[in-house]
N, C-alpha and C. Protein backbone atom coordinates (compact mmCIF):
# COMPACT_ATOMS: atom_id res chain seq x y z
N MET A 1 138.28 122.01 38.62
CA MET A 1 138.15 120.61 38.36
C MET A 1 136.92 120.40 37.48
N ARG A 2 137.08 119.46 36.68
CA ARG A 2 136.02 119.23 35.70
C ARG A 2 135.05 118.17 36.22
N ASP A 3 133.75 118.40 36.08
CA ASP A 3 132.73 117.48 36.56
C ASP A 3 132.47 116.44 35.48
N LEU A 4 132.93 115.19 35.70
CA LEU A 4 132.77 114.15 34.69
C LEU A 4 131.37 113.57 34.64
N LYS A 5 130.69 113.57 35.77
CA LYS A 5 129.37 112.95 35.82
C LYS A 5 128.28 113.93 35.43
N GLN A 6 128.62 115.15 35.28
CA GLN A 6 127.68 116.19 34.89
C GLN A 6 126.54 116.33 35.90
N THR A 7 126.92 116.39 37.20
CA THR A 7 125.91 116.55 38.25
C THR A 7 125.78 118.02 38.56
N GLY A 8 124.59 118.40 38.95
CA GLY A 8 124.32 119.78 39.27
C GLY A 8 124.49 120.04 40.77
N PHE A 9 124.25 121.31 41.11
CA PHE A 9 124.42 121.72 42.50
C PHE A 9 123.43 120.98 43.43
N THR A 10 122.22 120.87 43.02
CA THR A 10 121.20 120.21 43.84
C THR A 10 121.51 118.74 44.04
N ASP A 11 122.08 118.10 43.01
CA ASP A 11 122.46 116.69 43.15
C ASP A 11 123.57 116.52 44.19
N ARG A 12 124.55 117.42 44.15
CA ARG A 12 125.64 117.34 45.13
C ARG A 12 125.14 117.61 46.55
N ILE A 13 124.24 118.57 46.73
CA ILE A 13 123.66 118.87 48.06
C ILE A 13 122.87 117.66 48.58
N ALA A 14 122.09 117.04 47.72
CA ALA A 14 121.30 115.87 48.11
C ALA A 14 122.22 114.72 48.51
N ALA A 15 123.32 114.54 47.75
CA ALA A 15 124.27 113.47 48.07
C ALA A 15 124.95 113.75 49.41
N GLN A 16 125.30 115.02 49.64
CA GLN A 16 125.92 115.39 50.92
C GLN A 16 124.96 115.14 52.08
N GLN A 17 123.71 115.50 51.94
CA GLN A 17 122.72 115.26 52.99
C GLN A 17 122.53 113.77 53.24
N ALA A 18 122.55 112.98 52.20
CA ALA A 18 122.42 111.53 52.34
C ALA A 18 123.61 110.95 53.11
N ARG A 19 124.84 111.43 52.78
CA ARG A 19 126.03 110.95 53.50
C ARG A 19 125.96 111.36 54.98
N LYS A 20 125.54 112.60 55.23
CA LYS A 20 125.45 113.09 56.61
C LYS A 20 124.42 112.27 57.39
N LYS A 21 123.28 111.99 56.75
CA LYS A 21 122.24 111.19 57.40
C LYS A 21 122.75 109.79 57.72
N ALA A 22 123.49 109.19 56.80
CA ALA A 22 124.05 107.85 57.02
C ALA A 22 125.07 107.87 58.15
N LEU A 23 125.85 108.94 58.21
CA LEU A 23 126.83 109.08 59.28
C LEU A 23 126.14 109.20 60.65
N LEU A 24 125.09 110.01 60.71
CA LEU A 24 124.35 110.18 61.96
C LEU A 24 123.63 108.90 62.38
N GLU A 25 123.19 108.12 61.42
CA GLU A 25 122.53 106.84 61.74
C GLU A 25 123.49 105.91 62.48
N GLY A 26 124.77 106.02 62.19
CA GLY A 26 125.77 105.18 62.85
C GLY A 26 125.89 105.48 64.34
N PHE A 27 125.53 106.70 64.75
CA PHE A 27 125.61 107.07 66.16
C PHE A 27 124.36 106.72 66.96
N LYS A 28 123.28 106.41 66.28
CA LYS A 28 122.04 106.06 66.99
C LYS A 28 122.20 104.68 67.65
N PRO A 29 121.59 104.52 68.83
CA PRO A 29 121.69 103.20 69.48
C PRO A 29 120.92 102.15 68.70
N LYS A 30 121.50 100.99 68.67
CA LYS A 30 120.87 99.87 67.96
C LYS A 30 119.77 99.29 68.84
N PRO A 31 118.70 98.84 68.25
CA PRO A 31 117.66 98.20 69.07
C PRO A 31 118.21 96.92 69.69
N ALA A 32 118.05 96.82 71.00
CA ALA A 32 118.62 95.66 71.71
C ALA A 32 117.67 94.48 71.65
N GLN A 33 118.24 93.32 71.55
CA GLN A 33 117.46 92.09 71.60
C GLN A 33 117.15 91.79 73.07
N PRO A 34 115.91 91.55 73.41
CA PRO A 34 115.61 91.25 74.82
C PRO A 34 116.26 89.93 75.25
N ASP A 35 116.91 89.98 76.39
CA ASP A 35 117.60 88.81 76.92
C ASP A 35 116.58 87.97 77.70
N PRO A 36 116.39 86.71 77.31
CA PRO A 36 115.40 85.88 78.02
C PRO A 36 115.81 85.63 79.48
N GLU A 37 117.09 85.63 79.77
CA GLU A 37 117.55 85.41 81.14
C GLU A 37 117.25 86.62 82.04
N PHE A 38 117.20 87.79 81.40
CA PHE A 38 116.95 89.01 82.17
C PHE A 38 115.59 88.94 82.87
N ASP A 39 114.55 88.51 82.14
CA ASP A 39 113.22 88.41 82.74
C ASP A 39 113.20 87.39 83.87
N LYS A 40 113.91 86.28 83.67
CA LYS A 40 113.96 85.25 84.72
C LYS A 40 114.64 85.78 85.97
N LEU A 41 115.77 86.48 85.77
CA LEU A 41 116.50 87.04 86.91
C LEU A 41 115.69 88.12 87.61
N ALA A 42 115.00 88.95 86.83
CA ALA A 42 114.17 90.01 87.42
C ALA A 42 113.04 89.40 88.25
N ALA A 43 112.42 88.35 87.73
CA ALA A 43 111.34 87.68 88.47
C ALA A 43 111.89 87.05 89.75
N LYS A 44 113.09 86.46 89.66
CA LYS A 44 113.70 85.83 90.83
C LYS A 44 114.01 86.88 91.89
N ARG A 45 114.58 88.03 91.47
CA ARG A 45 114.88 89.10 92.43
C ARG A 45 113.62 89.64 93.07
N ALA A 46 112.58 89.80 92.27
CA ALA A 46 111.31 90.30 92.81
C ALA A 46 110.74 89.32 93.84
N ALA A 47 110.84 88.03 93.55
CA ALA A 47 110.35 87.02 94.49
C ALA A 47 111.16 87.05 95.78
N GLU A 48 112.48 87.21 95.66
CA GLU A 48 113.32 87.29 96.86
C GLU A 48 112.99 88.52 97.69
N LYS A 49 112.81 89.66 97.02
CA LYS A 49 112.44 90.89 97.73
C LYS A 49 111.11 90.70 98.46
N GLU A 50 110.16 90.08 97.80
CA GLU A 50 108.84 89.86 98.40
C GLU A 50 108.96 88.93 99.61
N ALA A 51 109.79 87.90 99.51
CA ALA A 51 109.98 86.97 100.63
C ALA A 51 110.62 87.69 101.81
N ILE A 52 111.61 88.53 101.54
CA ILE A 52 112.28 89.28 102.62
C ILE A 52 111.30 90.25 103.26
N ARG A 53 110.49 90.93 102.44
CA ARG A 53 109.51 91.87 102.96
C ARG A 53 108.48 91.15 103.84
N ALA A 54 108.04 89.98 103.38
CA ALA A 54 107.07 89.21 104.16
C ALA A 54 107.69 88.77 105.49
N GLN A 55 108.97 88.38 105.46
CA GLN A 55 109.65 87.98 106.69
C GLN A 55 109.76 89.16 107.65
N HIS A 56 110.10 90.33 107.13
CA HIS A 56 110.18 91.53 107.99
C HIS A 56 108.82 91.86 108.59
N GLU A 57 107.77 91.74 107.79
CA GLU A 57 106.42 92.01 108.29
C GLU A 57 106.05 91.02 109.40
N ALA A 58 106.42 89.75 109.21
CA ALA A 58 106.13 88.73 110.22
C ALA A 58 106.90 89.02 111.51
N GLU A 59 108.18 89.41 111.37
CA GLU A 59 108.97 89.75 112.56
C GLU A 59 108.39 90.95 113.28
N LYS A 60 107.94 91.94 112.52
CA LYS A 60 107.36 93.14 113.10
C LYS A 60 106.07 92.79 113.86
N ALA A 61 105.25 91.93 113.26
CA ALA A 61 104.00 91.51 113.90
C ALA A 61 104.30 90.73 115.18
N GLU A 62 105.33 89.87 115.14
CA GLU A 62 105.72 89.10 116.32
C GLU A 62 106.20 90.02 117.44
N LYS A 63 106.99 91.04 117.09
CA LYS A 63 107.46 91.99 118.10
C LYS A 63 106.29 92.74 118.73
N LYS A 64 105.33 93.13 117.90
CA LYS A 64 104.15 93.82 118.43
C LYS A 64 103.36 92.90 119.37
N ARG A 65 103.23 91.64 118.98
CA ARG A 65 102.49 90.69 119.81
C ARG A 65 103.18 90.49 121.15
N LEU A 66 104.52 90.32 121.12
CA LEU A 66 105.27 90.14 122.36
C LEU A 66 105.18 91.38 123.25
N ALA A 67 105.26 92.56 122.63
CA ALA A 67 105.15 93.79 123.41
C ALA A 67 103.76 93.90 124.05
N ALA A 68 102.74 93.51 123.32
CA ALA A 68 101.38 93.55 123.85
C ALA A 68 101.24 92.56 125.02
N GLU A 69 101.85 91.37 124.87
CA GLU A 69 101.79 90.39 125.96
C GLU A 69 102.51 90.90 127.20
N LYS A 70 103.70 91.50 127.00
CA LYS A 70 104.45 92.04 128.14
C LYS A 70 103.67 93.15 128.81
N SER A 71 103.07 94.00 128.01
CA SER A 71 102.28 95.11 128.54
C SER A 71 101.10 94.57 129.34
N ALA A 72 100.44 93.56 128.82
CA ALA A 72 99.29 92.97 129.53
C ALA A 72 99.75 92.32 130.83
N ALA A 73 100.92 91.66 130.81
CA ALA A 73 101.44 91.03 132.02
C ALA A 73 101.77 92.09 133.07
N ARG A 74 102.43 93.17 132.64
CA ARG A 74 102.75 94.25 133.59
C ARG A 74 101.49 94.88 134.15
N GLU A 75 100.50 95.05 133.30
CA GLU A 75 99.24 95.63 133.76
C GLU A 75 98.56 94.72 134.77
N ALA A 76 98.60 93.40 134.51
CA ALA A 76 97.99 92.45 135.44
C ALA A 76 98.74 92.46 136.78
N GLU A 77 100.07 92.52 136.73
CA GLU A 77 100.85 92.59 137.97
C GLU A 77 100.54 93.85 138.75
N ALA A 78 100.43 94.97 138.05
CA ALA A 78 100.11 96.24 138.71
C ALA A 78 98.72 96.16 139.34
N GLN A 79 97.79 95.54 138.63
CA GLN A 79 96.43 95.41 139.15
C GLN A 79 96.43 94.53 140.40
N GLU A 80 97.18 93.43 140.37
CA GLU A 80 97.27 92.54 141.53
C GLU A 80 97.91 93.26 142.72
N ALA A 81 98.97 94.03 142.45
CA ALA A 81 99.63 94.78 143.52
C ALA A 81 98.68 95.80 144.12
N GLN A 82 97.92 96.48 143.27
CA GLN A 82 96.97 97.48 143.77
C GLN A 82 95.88 96.79 144.59
N GLU A 83 95.41 95.64 144.15
CA GLU A 83 94.40 94.90 144.91
C GLU A 83 94.95 94.47 146.26
N ALA A 84 96.25 94.07 146.29
CA ALA A 84 96.86 93.67 147.56
C ALA A 84 96.95 94.87 148.51
N VAL A 85 97.33 96.01 147.98
CA VAL A 85 97.42 97.23 148.81
C VAL A 85 96.03 97.59 149.32
N ASP A 86 95.04 97.52 148.44
CA ASP A 86 93.67 97.84 148.86
C ASP A 86 93.18 96.88 149.94
N ALA A 87 93.49 95.59 149.76
CA ALA A 87 93.07 94.60 150.76
C ALA A 87 93.75 94.88 152.10
N GLU A 88 95.03 95.24 152.06
CA GLU A 88 95.76 95.56 153.29
C GLU A 88 95.15 96.78 153.98
N ARG A 89 94.80 97.77 153.20
CA ARG A 89 94.17 98.97 153.77
C ARG A 89 92.82 98.63 154.38
N ARG A 90 92.05 97.82 153.68
CA ARG A 90 90.74 97.43 154.22
C ARG A 90 90.91 96.65 155.53
N GLY A 91 91.92 95.76 155.54
CA GLY A 91 92.18 94.99 156.77
C GLY A 91 92.59 95.89 157.91
N ALA A 92 93.45 96.85 157.65
CA ALA A 92 93.88 97.77 158.70
C ALA A 92 92.70 98.61 159.18
N ARG A 93 91.86 99.01 158.28
CA ARG A 93 90.69 99.81 158.66
C ARG A 93 89.75 99.00 159.54
N LYS A 94 89.56 97.73 159.15
CA LYS A 94 88.69 96.87 159.96
C LYS A 94 89.28 96.69 161.36
N GLU A 95 90.60 96.55 161.42
CA GLU A 95 91.24 96.40 162.73
C GLU A 95 91.06 97.65 163.57
N ARG A 96 91.23 98.79 162.92
CA ARG A 96 91.07 100.05 163.67
C ARG A 96 89.65 100.21 164.17
N LYS A 97 88.69 99.84 163.35
CA LYS A 97 87.30 99.96 163.77
C LYS A 97 86.98 98.99 164.90
N ALA A 98 87.68 97.84 164.86
CA ALA A 98 87.39 96.82 165.87
C ALA A 98 87.89 97.26 167.26
N LEU A 99 88.88 98.09 167.28
CA LEU A 99 89.40 98.54 168.58
C LEU A 99 88.34 99.38 169.30
N THR A 100 88.29 99.22 170.54
CA THR A 100 87.36 100.01 171.34
C THR A 100 87.95 101.39 171.57
N LYS A 101 87.17 102.24 172.09
CA LYS A 101 87.63 103.59 172.35
C LYS A 101 88.81 103.58 173.31
N ALA A 102 88.75 102.72 174.30
CA ALA A 102 89.83 102.66 175.28
C ALA A 102 91.11 102.15 174.62
N GLU A 103 90.98 101.15 173.77
CA GLU A 103 92.15 100.62 173.08
C GLU A 103 92.76 101.68 172.17
N GLN A 104 91.89 102.45 171.52
CA GLN A 104 92.38 103.52 170.67
C GLN A 104 93.16 104.54 171.47
N LYS A 105 92.60 104.87 172.68
CA LYS A 105 93.27 105.84 173.53
C LYS A 105 94.61 105.28 173.98
N ALA A 106 94.67 103.99 174.34
CA ALA A 106 95.91 103.36 174.79
C ALA A 106 96.94 103.36 173.65
N ALA A 107 96.51 103.05 172.41
CA ALA A 107 97.42 103.04 171.27
C ALA A 107 97.94 104.44 171.01
N ARG A 108 97.06 105.45 171.13
CA ARG A 108 97.48 106.83 170.93
C ARG A 108 98.50 107.24 171.98
N ASP A 109 98.23 106.87 173.24
CA ASP A 109 99.16 107.20 174.33
C ASP A 109 100.51 106.53 174.11
N ALA A 110 100.52 105.28 173.61
CA ALA A 110 101.77 104.56 173.38
C ALA A 110 102.57 105.25 172.28
N ARG A 111 101.90 105.67 171.24
CA ARG A 111 102.60 106.40 170.16
C ARG A 111 103.18 107.70 170.68
N TYR A 112 102.41 108.40 171.50
CA TYR A 112 102.89 109.66 172.08
C TYR A 112 104.10 109.42 172.96
N ALA A 113 104.07 108.36 173.75
CA ALA A 113 105.18 108.06 174.64
C ALA A 113 106.42 107.68 173.83
N ARG A 114 106.25 106.95 172.71
CA ARG A 114 107.41 106.61 171.87
C ARG A 114 108.02 107.86 171.25
N ARG A 115 107.18 108.79 170.82
CA ARG A 115 107.70 110.03 170.26
C ARG A 115 108.48 110.82 171.29
N LYS A 116 107.93 110.89 172.50
CA LYS A 116 108.60 111.63 173.57
C LYS A 116 109.93 110.97 173.94
N ALA A 117 109.95 109.66 173.94
CA ALA A 117 111.17 108.95 174.31
C ALA A 117 112.24 109.13 173.22
N GLY A 118 111.85 109.32 171.98
CA GLY A 118 112.80 109.45 170.89
C GLY A 118 113.46 110.81 170.85
N ARG A 119 112.96 111.82 171.54
CA ARG A 119 113.53 113.17 171.51
C ARG A 119 114.64 113.33 172.45
């Protein structure tokens, strides 16, 4: 075939490289225009997430407070029960000390007689 334009080898190679470069440019992603609504929606989602997180933190703090109150109440009840038991023991001890030796002997004999009768 006859070359009408009288182009040389280097000219044809340069033209081929230019066409290839233009073809490859078509496959590159186009720069996207930023969507103004996107930023608004992202800010709204972030605010909602923050509100939910704050609510969860508040619920967690409330649960801890309630657990601490229940624990304190149980501890107070246990302390009161222990004080009642201690008071009862002190009262029984005072009663035992108040008994005379003869009364102690009579109480011991009565316990012995009950044991013997139960056999």
